[in-house]
Amino acid sequence: KNLKKIVVDESNPNYSSVDGVLFDKYGAVLIHYPSSSKSLPRLSI
């Protein structure tokens, strides 16, 4: 409910974060968008 952003260590072998949003390591799959986040990530579709 109050999660604003997600930060993933760069050495994490499975996940990454961009602008506080959780993605798979390659940024191809959006896994979780924090509901309290006010920023909108740029997504390529």
PDB file of N, CA and C in Angstrom:
ATOM      1  N   LYS A   1       0.818  -1.192   0.000  1.00  0.00           N
ATOM      2  CA  LYS A   1       0.000   0.000   0.000  1.00  0.00           C
ATOM      3  C   LYS A   1       0.863   1.256   0.000  1.00  0.00           C
ATOM      4  N   ASN A   2       1.939   1.259   0.763  1.00  0.00           N
ATOM      5  CA  ASN A   2       2.781   2.444   0.887  1.00  0.00           C
ATOM      6  C   ASN A   2       4.100   2.325   0.132  1.00  0.00           C
ATOM      7  N   LEU A   3       4.279   1.269  -0.610  1.00  0.00           N
ATOM      8  CA  LEU A   3       5.522   1.069  -1.347  1.00  0.00           C
ATOM      9  C   LEU A   3       5.621   2.090  -2.473  1.00  0.00           C
ATOM     10  N   LYS A   4       6.686   2.902  -2.433  1.00  0.00           N
ATOM     11  CA  LYS A   4       6.845   3.967  -3.426  1.00  0.00           C
ATOM     12  C   LYS A   4       7.829   3.611  -4.524  1.00  0.00           C
ATOM     13  N   LYS A   5       8.863   2.843  -4.173  1.00  0.00           N
ATOM     14  CA  LYS A   5       9.824   2.455  -5.200  1.00  0.00           C
ATOM     15  C   LYS A   5      10.559   1.200  -4.772  1.00  0.00           C
ATOM     16  N   ILE A   6      11.097   0.514  -5.750  1.00  0.00           N
ATOM     17  CA  ILE A   6      11.864  -0.704  -5.530  1.00  0.00           C
ATOM     18  C   ILE A   6      13.274  -0.445  -6.036  1.00  0.00           C
ATOM     19  N   VAL A   7      14.248  -0.813  -5.227  1.00  0.00           N
ATOM     20  CA  VAL A   7      15.650  -0.655  -5.609  1.00  0.00           C
ATOM     21  C   VAL A   7      16.292  -2.039  -5.598  1.00  0.00           C
ATOM     22  N   VAL A   8      16.918  -2.403  -6.701  1.00  0.00           N
ATOM     23  CA  VAL A   8      17.572  -3.699  -6.831  1.00  0.00           C
ATOM     24  C   VAL A   8      19.063  -3.468  -7.017  1.00  0.00           C
ATOM     25  N   ASP A   9      19.864  -4.201  -6.281  1.00  0.00           N
ATOM     26  CA  ASP A   9      21.313  -4.113  -6.412  1.00  0.00           C
ATOM     27  C   ASP A   9      21.718  -4.492  -7.837  1.00  0.00           C
ATOM     28  N   GLU A  10      22.646  -3.764  -8.409  1.00  0.00           N
ATOM     29  CA  GLU A  10      23.084  -4.011  -9.787  1.00  0.00           C
ATOM     30  C   GLU A  10      23.653  -5.409  -9.989  1.00  0.00           C
ATOM     31  N   SER A  11      24.149  -6.023  -8.930  1.00  0.00           N
ATOM     32  CA  SER A  11      24.728  -7.364  -9.055  1.00  0.00           C
ATOM     33  C   SER A  11      23.679  -8.473  -8.939  1.00  0.00           C
ATOM     34  N   ASN A  12      22.419  -8.120  -8.753  1.00  0.00           N
ATOM     35  CA  ASN A  12      21.364  -9.127  -8.656  1.00  0.00           C
ATOM     36  C   ASN A  12      21.264  -9.882  -9.982  1.00  0.00           C
ATOM     37  N   PRO A  13      21.347 -11.210  -9.953  1.00  0.00           N
ATOM     38  CA  PRO A  13      21.349 -11.984 -11.194  1.00  0.00           C
ATOM     39  C   PRO A  13      19.976 -12.164 -11.847  1.00  0.00           C
ATOM     40  N   ASN A  14      18.897 -11.808 -11.143  1.00  0.00           N
ATOM     41  CA  ASN A  14      17.558 -12.093 -11.658  1.00  0.00           C
ATOM     42  C   ASN A  14      16.671 -10.881 -11.896  1.00  0.00           C
ATOM     43  N   TYR A  15      16.917  -9.801 -11.181  1.00  0.00           N
ATOM     44  CA  TYR A  15      16.015  -8.653 -11.230  1.00  0.00           C
ATOM     45  C   TYR A  15      16.772  -7.354 -11.454  1.00  0.00           C
ATOM     46  N   SER A  16      16.042  -6.337 -11.936  1.00  0.00           N
ATOM     47  CA  SER A  16      16.583  -4.988 -12.075  1.00  0.00           C
ATOM     48  C   SER A  16      15.466  -4.015 -11.742  1.00  0.00           C
ATOM     49  N   SER A  17      15.827  -2.767 -11.504  1.00  0.00           N
ATOM     50  CA  SER A  17      14.802  -1.750 -11.264  1.00  0.00           C
ATOM     51  C   SER A  17      15.118  -0.522 -12.100  1.00  0.00           C
ATOM     52  N   VAL A  18      14.067   0.091 -12.621  1.00  0.00           N
ATOM     53  CA  VAL A  18      14.179   1.313 -13.413  1.00  0.00           C
ATOM     54  C   VAL A  18      13.150   2.282 -12.865  1.00  0.00           C
ATOM     55  N   ASP A  19      13.601   3.440 -12.428  1.00  0.00           N
ATOM     56  CA  ASP A  19      12.701   4.448 -11.862  1.00  0.00           C
ATOM     57  C   ASP A  19      11.831   3.875 -10.754  1.00  0.00           C
ATOM     58  N   GLY A  20      12.387   2.941  -9.957  1.00  0.00           N
ATOM     59  CA  GLY A  20      11.661   2.377  -8.827  1.00  0.00           C
ATOM     60  C   GLY A  20      10.702   1.258  -9.170  1.00  0.00           C
ATOM     61  N   VAL A  21      10.718   0.796 -10.419  1.00  0.00           N
ATOM     62  CA  VAL A  21       9.827  -0.269 -10.873  1.00  0.00           C
ATOM     63  C   VAL A  21      10.648  -1.548 -11.053  1.00  0.00           C
ATOM     64  N   LEU A  22      10.096  -2.692 -10.625  1.00  0.00           N
ATOM     65  CA  LEU A  22      10.802  -3.971 -10.680  1.00  0.00           C
ATOM     66  C   LEU A  22      10.605  -4.662 -12.023  1.00  0.00           C
ATOM     67  N   PHE A  23      11.732  -5.042 -12.636  1.00  0.00           N
ATOM     68  CA  PHE A  23      11.742  -5.763 -13.910  1.00  0.00           C
ATOM     69  C   PHE A  23      12.587  -7.020 -13.778  1.00  0.00           C
ATOM     70  N   ASP A  24      12.490  -7.899 -14.782  1.00  0.00           N
ATOM     71  CA  ASP A  24      13.436  -9.001 -14.839  1.00  0.00           C
ATOM     72  C   ASP A  24      14.816  -8.407 -15.129  1.00  0.00           C
ATOM     73  N   LYS A  25      15.835  -9.221 -15.085  1.00  0.00           N
ATOM     74  CA  LYS A  25      17.213  -8.744 -15.223  1.00  0.00           C
ATOM     75  C   LYS A  25      17.435  -7.950 -16.506  1.00  0.00           C
ATOM     76  N   TYR A  26      16.714  -8.288 -17.568  1.00  0.00           N
ATOM     77  CA  TYR A  26      16.944  -7.658 -18.866  1.00  0.00           C
ATOM     78  C   TYR A  26      16.000  -6.499 -19.152  1.00  0.00           C
ATOM     79  N   GLY A  27      15.096  -6.212 -18.217  1.00  0.00           N
ATOM     80  CA  GLY A  27      14.161  -5.115 -18.406  1.00  0.00           C
ATOM     81  C   GLY A  27      13.058  -5.426 -19.396  1.00  0.00           C
ATOM     82  N   ALA A  28      12.894  -6.697 -19.729  1.00  0.00           N
ATOM     83  CA  ALA A  28      11.894  -7.099 -20.719  1.00  0.00           C
ATOM     84  C   ALA A  28      10.528  -7.378 -20.104  1.00  0.00           C
ATOM     85  N   VAL A  29      10.512  -7.775 -18.828  1.00  0.00           N
ATOM     86  CA  VAL A  29       9.259  -8.152 -18.164  1.00  0.00           C
ATOM     87  C   VAL A  29       9.062  -7.276 -16.937  1.00  0.00           C
ATOM     88  N   LEU A  30       7.968  -6.512 -16.925  1.00  0.00           N
ATOM     89  CA  LEU A  30       7.624  -5.707 -15.756  1.00  0.00           C
ATOM     90  C   LEU A  30       7.020  -6.655 -14.727  1.00  0.00           C
ATOM     91  N   ILE A  31       7.627  -6.711 -13.533  1.00  0.00           N
ATOM     92  CA  ILE A  31       7.182  -7.648 -12.506  1.00  0.00           C
ATOM     93  C   ILE A  31       6.289  -6.975 -11.483  1.00  0.00           C
ATOM     94  N   HIS A  32       6.669  -5.775 -11.050  1.00  0.00           N
ATOM     95  CA  HIS A  32       5.846  -5.085 -10.050  1.00  0.00           C
ATOM     96  C   HIS A  32       6.004  -3.576 -10.185  1.00  0.00           C
ATOM     97  N   TYR A  33       4.861  -2.887 -10.222  1.00  0.00           N
ATOM     98  CA  TYR A  33       4.824  -1.423 -10.232  1.00  0.00           C
ATOM     99  C   TYR A  33       4.252  -0.979  -8.892  1.00  0.00           C
ATOM    100  N   PRO A  34       5.044  -0.273  -8.066  1.00  0.00           N
ATOM    101  CA  PRO A  34       4.565   0.139  -6.745  1.00  0.00           C
ATOM    102  C   PRO A  34       3.305   1.000  -6.845  1.00  0.00           C
ATOM    103  N   SER A  35       2.284   0.642  -6.113  1.00  0.00           N
ATOM    104  CA  SER A  35       1.000   1.347  -6.191  1.00  0.00           C
ATOM    105  C   SER A  35       1.078   2.785  -5.695  1.00  0.00           C
ATOM    106  N   SER A  36       2.039   3.092  -4.831  1.00  0.00           N
ATOM    107  CA  SER A  36       2.176   4.458  -4.323  1.00  0.00           C
ATOM    108  C   SER A  36       3.127   5.301  -5.155  1.00  0.00           C
ATOM    109  N   SER A  37       3.684   4.733  -6.202  1.00  0.00           N
ATOM    110  CA  SER A  37       4.622   5.468  -7.050  1.00  0.00           C
ATOM    111  C   SER A  37       3.895   6.548  -7.837  1.00  0.00           C
ATOM    112  N   LYS A  38       4.540   7.697  -7.952  1.00  0.00           N
ATOM    113  CA  LYS A  38       3.960   8.798  -8.721  1.00  0.00           C
ATOM    114  C   LYS A  38       4.648   8.954 -10.069  1.00  0.00           C
ATOM    115  N   SER A  39       5.753   8.236 -10.258  1.00  0.00           N
ATOM    116  CA  SER A  39       6.459   8.342 -11.535  1.00  0.00           C
ATOM    117  C   SER A  39       5.947   7.278 -12.500  1.00  0.00           C
ATOM    118  N   LEU A  40       6.039   7.578 -13.762  1.00  0.00           N
ATOM    119  CA  LEU A  40       5.654   6.626 -14.791  1.00  0.00           C
ATOM    120  C   LEU A  40       6.903   6.206 -15.544  1.00  0.00           C
ATOM    121  N   PRO A  41       7.199   4.910 -15.561  1.00  0.00           N
ATOM    122  CA  PRO A  41       8.390   4.472 -16.284  1.00  0.00           C
ATOM    123  C   PRO A  41       8.164   4.556 -17.787  1.00  0.00           C
ATOM    124  N   ARG A  42       9.243   4.747 -18.529  1.00  0.00           N
ATOM    125  CA  ARG A  42       9.150   4.727 -19.988  1.00  0.00           C
ATOM    126  C   ARG A  42       9.238   3.276 -20.419  1.00  0.00           C
ATOM    127  N   LEU A  43       8.213   2.824 -21.100  1.00  0.00           N
ATOM    128  CA  LEU A  43       8.165   1.437 -21.533  1.00  0.00           C
ATOM    129  C   LEU A  43       8.160   1.371 -23.048  1.00  0.00           C
ATOM    130  N   SER A  44       8.965   0.479 -23.585  1.00  0.00           N
ATOM    131  CA  SER A  44       8.961   0.233 -25.026  1.00  0.00           C
ATOM    132  C   SER A  44       8.087  -0.977 -25.281  1.00  0.00           C
ATOM    133  N   ILE A  45       7.116  -0.795 -26.143  1.00  0.00           N
ATOM    134  CA  ILE A  45       6.202  -1.912 -26.423  1.00  0.00           C
ATOM    135  C   ILE A  45       6.368  -2.334 -27.864  1.00  0.00           C
TER     136      ILE A  45
END
